[in-house]
Amino acid sequence: MNKIFTKILILLISFFCFYPELFAAEILQVTSSNILLIGDHNRTYTVKLACIEISPDLEENSLMWLKTQLPRHTKVNLKPKGSVDGILVAKVIPIDSNIDLNEKYINEGLAKNKC
C-alpha cells in the first residue's frame, strides 16, 4: 500500500512540474498600468504589480505597453508580496517568457523600482 501511494505521489508531482501551464492563472483584463484582473479556474483576483511606481505622465504609454505584454488569456505565475485593501500585491511572471514583468517594466523606463 505504501509503495502504491509513493508511486502516485511521484506521478502527481512530476505532472505538476512538467505541465505548470495547465494550473497557471491567466490574464482576464489589464485595468490600469499596474492593476490586473486574473482568473484561476473558477476564481478571479485583482492583482496590483509589486515594487513599481508609475509616474502620471507615463500612465498612457505604460498602459499600452502592459496590454501588449499581457494580452487576454496569457498564462502567468504570481509571486505574492502582500495585500493592500483586499487587493493582492504580487510580481507577475508570464509562463512563456519566464521573465519577471515588473523588472521588464522598470528596464523599459516606464516604471520606477520602489522596493
C-alpha atoms as a PDB file:
ATOM      1  CA  MET A   1       0.000   0.000   0.000  1.00  0.00           C
ATOM      2  CA  ASN A   2       2.812   2.409   0.868  1.00  0.00           C
ATOM      3  CA  LYS A   3       4.578   1.729  -2.471  1.00  0.00           C
ATOM      4  CA  ILE A   4       1.405   2.475  -4.424  1.00  0.00           C
ATOM      5  CA  PHE A   5       0.931   5.757  -2.555  1.00  0.00           C
ATOM      6  CA  THR A   6       4.553   6.717  -3.232  1.00  0.00           C
ATOM      7  CA  LYS A   7       4.215   5.969  -6.954  1.00  0.00           C
ATOM      8  CA  ILE A   8       1.016   8.023  -7.199  1.00  0.00           C
ATOM      9  CA  LEU A   9       2.654  10.910  -5.345  1.00  0.00           C
ATOM     10  CA  ILE A  10       5.691  10.851  -7.654  1.00  0.00           C
ATOM     11  CA  LEU A  11       3.411  10.754 -10.691  1.00  0.00           C
ATOM     12  CA  LEU A  12       1.398  13.758  -9.478  1.00  0.00           C
ATOM     13  CA  ILE A  13       4.495  15.791  -8.603  1.00  0.00           C
ATOM     14  CA  SER A  14       6.072  15.118 -12.000  1.00  0.00           C
ATOM     15  CA  PHE A  15       2.801  16.040 -13.722  1.00  0.00           C
ATOM     16  CA  PHE A  16       2.696  19.406 -11.924  1.00  0.00           C
ATOM     17  CA  CYS A  17       6.380  20.050 -12.655  1.00  0.00           C
ATOM     18  CA  PHE A  18       6.238  19.297 -16.387  1.00  0.00           C
ATOM     19  CA  TYR A  19       2.869  20.920 -17.112  1.00  0.00           C
ATOM     20  CA  PRO A  20       2.648  24.036 -14.888  1.00  0.00           C
ATOM     21  CA  GLU A  21       0.744  25.984 -17.545  1.00  0.00           C
ATOM     22  CA  LEU A  22      -2.273  23.753 -17.000  1.00  0.00           C
ATOM     23  CA  PHE A  23      -2.649  25.108 -13.479  1.00  0.00           C
ATOM     24  CA  ALA A  24      -1.454  28.688 -14.001  1.00  0.00           C
ATOM     25  CA  ALA A  25      -3.560  31.775 -13.639  1.00  0.00           C
ATOM     26  CA  GLU A  26      -4.443  33.743 -16.750  1.00  0.00           C
ATOM     27  CA  ILE A  27      -4.902  37.388 -17.572  1.00  0.00           C
ATOM     28  CA  LEU A  28      -8.541  38.366 -17.942  1.00  0.00           C
ATOM     29  CA  GLN A  29      -8.069  42.128 -18.204  1.00  0.00           C
ATOM     30  CA  VAL A  30      -5.454  44.860 -17.835  1.00  0.00           C
ATOM     31  CA  THR A  31      -7.440  47.503 -15.980  1.00  0.00           C
ATOM     32  CA  SER A  32      -4.705  50.113 -15.475  1.00  0.00           C
ATOM     33  CA  SER A  33      -0.953  50.476 -15.756  1.00  0.00           C
ATOM     34  CA  ASN A  34      -0.419  48.445 -12.583  1.00  0.00           C
ATOM     35  CA  ILE A  35      -3.728  46.633 -11.894  1.00  0.00           C
ATOM     36  CA  LEU A  36      -4.707  43.301 -13.480  1.00  0.00           C
ATOM     37  CA  LEU A  37      -7.748  41.063 -13.311  1.00  0.00           C
ATOM     38  CA  ILE A  38      -6.529  37.470 -13.181  1.00  0.00           C
ATOM     39  CA  GLY A  39      -8.521  34.249 -13.345  1.00  0.00           C
ATOM     40  CA  ASP A  40      -7.592  30.978 -11.704  1.00  0.00           C
ATOM     41  CA  HIS A  41     -10.054  28.325 -12.933  1.00  0.00           C
ATOM     42  CA  ASN A  42     -13.235  29.365 -11.091  1.00  0.00           C
ATOM     43  CA  ARG A  43     -11.926  32.414  -9.188  1.00  0.00           C
ATOM     44  CA  THR A  44     -10.866  35.917 -10.144  1.00  0.00           C
ATOM     45  CA  TYR A  45      -8.358  38.151  -8.407  1.00  0.00           C
ATOM     46  CA  THR A  46      -7.464  41.788  -8.643  1.00  0.00           C
ATOM     47  CA  VAL A  47      -3.680  41.996  -8.627  1.00  0.00           C
ATOM     48  CA  LYS A  48      -1.516  45.068  -8.224  1.00  0.00           C
ATOM     49  CA  LEU A  49       2.019  44.830  -9.587  1.00  0.00           C
ATOM     50  CA  ALA A  50       4.511  44.839  -6.727  1.00  0.00           C
ATOM     51  CA  CYS A  51       7.525  47.110  -6.322  1.00  0.00           C
ATOM     52  CA  ILE A  52       6.785  49.551  -9.125  1.00  0.00           C
ATOM     53  CA  GLU A  53       5.744  53.174  -9.285  1.00  0.00           C
ATOM     54  CA  ILE A  54       4.467  54.731 -12.495  1.00  0.00           C
ATOM     55  CA  SER A  55       4.715  58.463 -12.989  1.00  0.00           C
ATOM     56  CA  PRO A  56       1.457  60.123 -14.065  1.00  0.00           C
ATOM     57  CA  ASP A  57       2.955  61.444 -17.322  1.00  0.00           C
ATOM     58  CA  LEU A  58       3.828  57.870 -18.415  1.00  0.00           C
ATOM     59  CA  GLU A  59       0.457  56.373 -17.455  1.00  0.00           C
ATOM     60  CA  GLU A  60      -0.935  56.083 -21.005  1.00  0.00           C
ATOM     61  CA  ASN A  61       2.285  54.679 -22.506  1.00  0.00           C
ATOM     62  CA  SER A  62       2.622  52.271 -19.580  1.00  0.00           C
ATOM     63  CA  LEU A  63      -0.928  51.004 -20.029  1.00  0.00           C
ATOM     64  CA  MET A  64      -0.409  50.364 -23.749  1.00  0.00           C
ATOM     65  CA  TRP A  65       2.912  48.594 -23.088  1.00  0.00           C
ATOM     66  CA  LEU A  66       1.366  46.410 -20.386  1.00  0.00           C
ATOM     67  CA  LYS A  67      -1.512  45.415 -22.664  1.00  0.00           C
ATOM     68  CA  THR A  68       0.956  44.276 -25.322  1.00  0.00           C
ATOM     69  CA  GLN A  69       2.960  42.296 -22.772  1.00  0.00           C
ATOM     70  CA  LEU A  70      -0.116  40.649 -21.222  1.00  0.00           C
ATOM     71  CA  PRO A  71      -2.824  40.038 -23.791  1.00  0.00           C
ATOM     72  CA  ARG A  72      -6.004  38.345 -22.618  1.00  0.00           C
ATOM     73  CA  HIS A  73      -5.554  34.652 -21.688  1.00  0.00           C
ATOM     74  CA  THR A  74      -1.789  34.959 -21.144  1.00  0.00           C
ATOM     75  CA  LYS A  75      -0.789  32.328 -18.589  1.00  0.00           C
ATOM     76  CA  VAL A  76       1.134  33.759 -15.634  1.00  0.00           C
ATOM     77  CA  ASN A  77       2.646  32.755 -12.338  1.00  0.00           C
ATOM     78  CA  LEU A  78       2.265  35.061  -9.352  1.00  0.00           C
ATOM     79  CA  LYS A  79       4.763  35.704  -6.573  1.00  0.00           C
ATOM     80  CA  PRO A  80       2.649  37.298  -3.823  1.00  0.00           C
ATOM     81  CA  LYS A  81       4.240  40.077  -1.791  1.00  0.00           C
ATOM     82  CA  GLY A  82       1.229  41.011   0.349  1.00  0.00           C
ATOM     83  CA  SER A  83      -2.089  42.782   0.017  1.00  0.00           C
ATOM     84  CA  VAL A  84      -3.443  46.308   0.245  1.00  0.00           C
ATOM     85  CA  ASP A  85      -7.146  46.973   0.848  1.00  0.00           C
ATOM     86  CA  GLY A  86      -8.050  43.435  -0.219  1.00  0.00           C
ATOM     87  CA  ILE A  87      -6.004  43.601  -3.435  1.00  0.00           C
ATOM     88  CA  LEU A  88      -3.245  41.060  -3.916  1.00  0.00           C
ATOM     89  CA  VAL A  89       0.171  42.663  -4.472  1.00  0.00           C
ATOM     90  CA  ALA A  90       2.430  40.366  -6.483  1.00  0.00           C
ATOM     91  CA  LYS A  91       5.179  40.027  -9.024  1.00  0.00           C
ATOM     92  CA  VAL A  92       3.858  38.650 -12.312  1.00  0.00           C
ATOM     93  CA  ILE A  93       5.813  36.214 -14.473  1.00  0.00           C
ATOM     94  CA  PRO A  94       4.412  35.178 -17.867  1.00  0.00           C
ATOM     95  CA  ILE A  95       4.938  31.449 -18.310  1.00  0.00           C
ATOM     96  CA  ASP A  96       6.029  31.676 -21.938  1.00  0.00           C
ATOM     97  CA  SER A  97       8.911  34.089 -21.218  1.00  0.00           C
ATOM     98  CA  ASN A  98       9.634  33.206 -17.574  1.00  0.00           C
ATOM     99  CA  ILE A  99      10.854  36.807 -17.037  1.00  0.00           C
ATOM    100  CA  ASP A 100       9.572  38.951 -14.179  1.00  0.00           C
ATOM    101  CA  LEU A 101       7.250  41.523 -15.770  1.00  0.00           C
ATOM    102  CA  ASN A 102       7.997  44.046 -13.021  1.00  0.00           C
ATOM    103  CA  GLU A 103      11.707  44.024 -13.938  1.00  0.00           C
ATOM    104  CA  LYS A 104      10.864  44.424 -17.641  1.00  0.00           C
ATOM    105  CA  TYR A 105       8.635  47.366 -16.763  1.00  0.00           C
ATOM    106  CA  ILE A 106      11.494  49.074 -14.932  1.00  0.00           C
ATOM    107  CA  ASN A 107      14.051  48.254 -17.658  1.00  0.00           C
ATOM    108  CA  GLU A 108      11.755  49.825 -20.278  1.00  0.00           C
ATOM    109  CA  GLY A 109      11.869  53.084 -18.282  1.00  0.00           C
ATOM    110  CA  LEU A 110       8.105  53.086 -17.783  1.00  0.00           C
ATOM    111  CA  ALA A 111       8.214  52.456 -14.033  1.00  0.00           C
ATOM    112  CA  LYS A 112      10.496  53.040 -11.075  1.00  0.00           C
ATOM    113  CA  ASN A 113      11.556  50.414  -8.573  1.00  0.00           C
ATOM    114  CA  LYS A 114      10.118  51.242  -5.159  1.00  0.00           C
ATOM    115  CA  CYS A 115      11.305  48.186  -3.229  1.00  0.00           C
END
